[in-house]
C-alpha atoms as a PDB file:
ATOM      1  CA  UNK A   1     -10.186  39.131  28.324  1.00  0.00           C
ATOM      2  CA  UNK A   2      -6.522  39.197  27.284  1.00  0.00           C
ATOM      3  CA  UNK A   3      -5.763  36.790  30.124  1.00  0.00           C
ATOM      4  CA  UNK A   4      -8.129  34.168  28.700  1.00  0.00           C
ATOM      5  CA  UNK A   5      -6.614  34.568  25.220  1.00  0.00           C
ATOM      6  CA  UNK A   6      -3.138  33.952  26.631  1.00  0.00           C
ATOM      7  CA  UNK A   7      -4.299  30.914  28.583  1.00  0.00           C
ATOM      8  CA  UNK A   8      -6.118  29.553  25.517  1.00  0.00           C
ATOM      9  CA  UNK A   9      -3.088  30.124  23.296  1.00  0.00           C
ATOM     10  CA  UNK A  10      -0.740  28.501  25.818  1.00  0.00           C
ATOM     11  CA  UNK A  11      -3.092  25.513  26.157  1.00  0.00           C
ATOM     12  CA  UNK A  12      -3.326  25.162  22.373  1.00  0.00           C
ATOM     13  CA  UNK A  13       0.453  25.266  22.001  1.00  0.00           C
ATOM     14  CA  UNK A  14       0.891  22.634  24.732  1.00  0.00           C
ATOM     15  CA  UNK A  15      -1.735  20.328  23.164  1.00  0.00           C
ATOM     16  CA  UNK A  16      -0.200  20.620  19.703  1.00  0.00           C
ATOM     17  CA  UNK A  17       3.279  19.970  21.117  1.00  0.00           C
ATOM     18  CA  UNK A  18       2.108  16.900  23.024  1.00  0.00           C
ATOM     19  CA  UNK A  19       0.296  15.618  19.932  1.00  0.00           C
ATOM     20  CA  UNK A  20       3.387  16.011  17.751  1.00  0.00           C
ATOM     21  CA  UNK A  21       5.552  14.345  20.382  1.00  0.00           C
ATOM     22  CA  UNK A  22       3.138  11.384  20.637  1.00  0.00           C
ATOM     23  CA  UNK A  23       3.055  10.976  16.845  1.00  0.00           C
ATOM     24  CA  UNK A  24       6.824  10.987  16.604  1.00  0.00           C
ATOM     25  CA  UNK A  25       7.279   8.692  19.589  1.00  0.00           C
ATOM     26  CA  UNK A  26       4.891   6.081  18.176  1.00  0.00           C
ATOM     27  CA  UNK A  27       5.914   6.271  14.538  1.00  0.00           C
ATOM     28  CA  UNK A  28       8.115   3.195  14.706  1.00  0.00           C
ATOM     29  CA  UNK A  29       6.305   1.628  11.767  1.00  0.00           C
ATOM     30  CA  UNK A  30       8.898   1.275   9.064  1.00  0.00           C
ATOM     31  CA  UNK A  31       8.179   0.313   5.516  1.00  0.00           C
ATOM     32  CA  UNK A  32       9.920  -2.907   4.717  1.00  0.00           C
ATOM     33  CA  UNK A  33      10.335  -4.033   1.162  1.00  0.00           C
ATOM     34  CA  UNK A  34      10.348  -7.737   0.527  1.00  0.00           C
ATOM     35  CA  UNK A  35      12.382  -8.883  -2.385  1.00  0.00           C
ATOM     36  CA  UNK A  36      10.917 -11.296  -4.885  1.00  0.00           C
ATOM     37  CA  UNK A  37      13.571 -13.873  -3.985  1.00  0.00           C
ATOM     38  CA  UNK A  38      12.470 -13.916  -0.337  1.00  0.00           C
ATOM     39  CA  UNK A  39       8.890 -14.757  -1.345  1.00  0.00           C
ATOM     40  CA  UNK A  40       9.875 -17.515  -3.777  1.00  0.00           C
ATOM     41  CA  UNK A  41       7.537 -16.123  -6.436  1.00  0.00           C
ATOM     42  CA  UNK A  42       7.643 -16.949 -10.141  1.00  0.00           C
ATOM     43  CA  UNK A  43       9.207 -14.354 -12.433  1.00  0.00           C
ATOM     44  CA  UNK A  44       6.982 -11.337 -13.062  1.00  0.00           C
ATOM     45  CA  UNK A  45       7.133  -7.784 -14.372  1.00  0.00           C
ATOM     46  CA  UNK A  46       5.608  -4.786 -12.585  1.00  0.00           C
ATOM     47  CA  UNK A  47       2.932  -3.030 -14.645  1.00  0.00           C
ATOM     48  CA  UNK A  48       1.405   0.272 -13.437  1.00  0.00           C
ATOM     49  CA  UNK A  49      -2.396   0.265 -13.811  1.00  0.00           C
ATOM     50  CA  UNK A  50      -5.022   2.869 -12.893  1.00  0.00           C
ATOM     51  CA  UNK A  51      -7.874   1.197 -10.994  1.00  0.00           C
ATOM     52  CA  UNK A  52     -11.376   1.646 -12.435  1.00  0.00           C
ATOM     53  CA  UNK A  53     -14.684   1.132 -10.603  1.00  0.00           C
ATOM     54  CA  UNK A  54     -15.377  -2.569 -10.124  1.00  0.00           C
ATOM     55  CA  UNK A  55     -11.754  -3.633 -10.546  1.00  0.00           C
ATOM     56  CA  UNK A  56     -10.078  -5.974  -8.079  1.00  0.00           C
ATOM     57  CA  UNK A  57      -6.483  -7.073  -7.753  1.00  0.00           C
ATOM     58  CA  UNK A  58      -7.393 -10.458  -9.189  1.00  0.00           C
ATOM     59  CA  UNK A  59      -9.403  -9.116 -12.135  1.00  0.00           C
ATOM     60  CA  UNK A  60      -6.697  -6.653 -13.153  1.00  0.00           C
ATOM     61  CA  UNK A  61      -3.937  -9.235 -12.782  1.00  0.00           C
ATOM     62  CA  UNK A  62      -5.927 -11.743 -14.860  1.00  0.00           C
ATOM     63  CA  UNK A  63      -6.316  -9.182 -17.679  1.00  0.00           C
ATOM     64  CA  UNK A  64      -2.553  -8.536 -17.734  1.00  0.00           C
ATOM     65  CA  UNK A  65      -1.452 -12.155 -18.042  1.00  0.00           C
ATOM     66  CA  UNK A  66       0.112 -13.508 -21.188  1.00  0.00           C
ATOM     67  CA  UNK A  67       0.248 -17.034 -19.766  1.00  0.00           C
ATOM     68  CA  UNK A  68      -2.778 -19.095 -18.704  1.00  0.00           C
ATOM     69  CA  UNK A  69      -4.049 -17.562 -15.476  1.00  0.00           C
ATOM     70  CA  UNK A  70      -5.137 -20.927 -14.056  1.00  0.00           C
ATOM     71  CA  UNK A  71      -1.462 -21.827 -13.557  1.00  0.00           C
ATOM     72  CA  UNK A  72      -1.019 -19.080 -10.949  1.00  0.00           C
ATOM     73  CA  UNK A  73      -2.543 -19.416  -7.481  1.00  0.00           C
ATOM     74  CA  UNK A  74      -4.503 -16.621  -5.834  1.00  0.00           C
ATOM     75  CA  UNK A  75      -1.996 -16.572  -2.957  1.00  0.00           C
ATOM     76  CA  UNK A  76       0.863 -16.042  -5.421  1.00  0.00           C
ATOM     77  CA  UNK A  77      -0.961 -13.137  -7.090  1.00  0.00           C
ATOM     78  CA  UNK A  78      -1.720 -11.476  -3.755  1.00  0.00           C
ATOM     79  CA  UNK A  79       1.843 -11.974  -2.494  1.00  0.00           C
ATOM     80  CA  UNK A  80       3.261 -10.461  -5.671  1.00  0.00           C
ATOM     81  CA  UNK A  81       0.888  -7.479  -5.417  1.00  0.00           C
ATOM     82  CA  UNK A  82       1.860  -6.923  -1.772  1.00  0.00           C
ATOM     83  CA  UNK A  83       5.562  -7.068  -2.653  1.00  0.00           C
ATOM     84  CA  UNK A  84       5.043  -4.399  -5.328  1.00  0.00           C
ATOM     85  CA  UNK A  85       2.767  -2.211  -3.173  1.00  0.00           C
ATOM     86  CA  UNK A  86       3.845  -2.701   0.458  1.00  0.00           C
ATOM     87  CA  UNK A  87       1.842   0.279   1.745  1.00  0.00           C
ATOM     88  CA  UNK A  88      -1.573  -1.034   0.634  1.00  0.00           C
ATOM     89  CA  UNK A  89      -3.478  -4.244   1.255  1.00  0.00           C
ATOM     90  CA  UNK A  90      -4.997  -5.901  -1.845  1.00  0.00           C
ATOM     91  CA  UNK A  91      -8.493  -5.472  -0.400  1.00  0.00           C
ATOM     92  CA  UNK A  92      -7.986  -1.715   0.142  1.00  0.00           C
ATOM     93  CA  UNK A  93      -7.150  -0.484  -3.358  1.00  0.00           C
ATOM     94  CA  UNK A  94      -8.784   2.819  -4.268  1.00  0.00           C
ATOM     95  CA  UNK A  95     -10.547   3.791  -7.501  1.00  0.00           C
ATOM     96  CA  UNK A  96      -8.576   6.131  -9.825  1.00  0.00           C
ATOM     97  CA  UNK A  97      -5.271   5.375  -8.058  1.00  0.00           C
ATOM     98  CA  UNK A  98      -2.299   3.813  -9.827  1.00  0.00           C
ATOM     99  CA  UNK A  99      -0.787   0.612  -8.408  1.00  0.00           C
ATOM    100  CA  UNK A 100       1.759  -1.865  -9.682  1.00  0.00           C
ATOM    101  CA  UNK A 101       0.368  -5.237 -10.700  1.00  0.00           C
ATOM    102  CA  UNK A 102       2.318  -8.395 -11.502  1.00  0.00           C
ATOM    103  CA  UNK A 103       2.458  -9.684 -15.056  1.00  0.00           C
ATOM    104  CA  UNK A 104       3.823 -13.206 -14.765  1.00  0.00           C
ATOM    105  CA  UNK A 105       6.240 -14.490 -17.383  1.00  0.00           C
ATOM    106  CA  UNK A 106       6.863 -17.997 -18.630  1.00  0.00           C
ATOM    107  CA  UNK A 107      10.100 -19.426 -17.329  1.00  0.00           C
END
């Protein structure tokens, strides 16, 4: 019985080691931050907001605006959100999490 325990333990150690090695070998994804100048976005401030049920990136951004929201395109809003939160896609925001949203300023 002790023989099987040793074999099982050795197998477990080998599998965990191989798994860790594979994770480290394929973790070449690096977070890249895109500056606002590279995106050619209008001037905006980053505002942290906790997401409530039913909120979307567009609805939250529209509530934050002090300028008319029809002057800002949807693509501009999404690009600004992605530049502030590079680890999350706008369609994948989670309820009760805090993200940075753009509040566009008049120039």
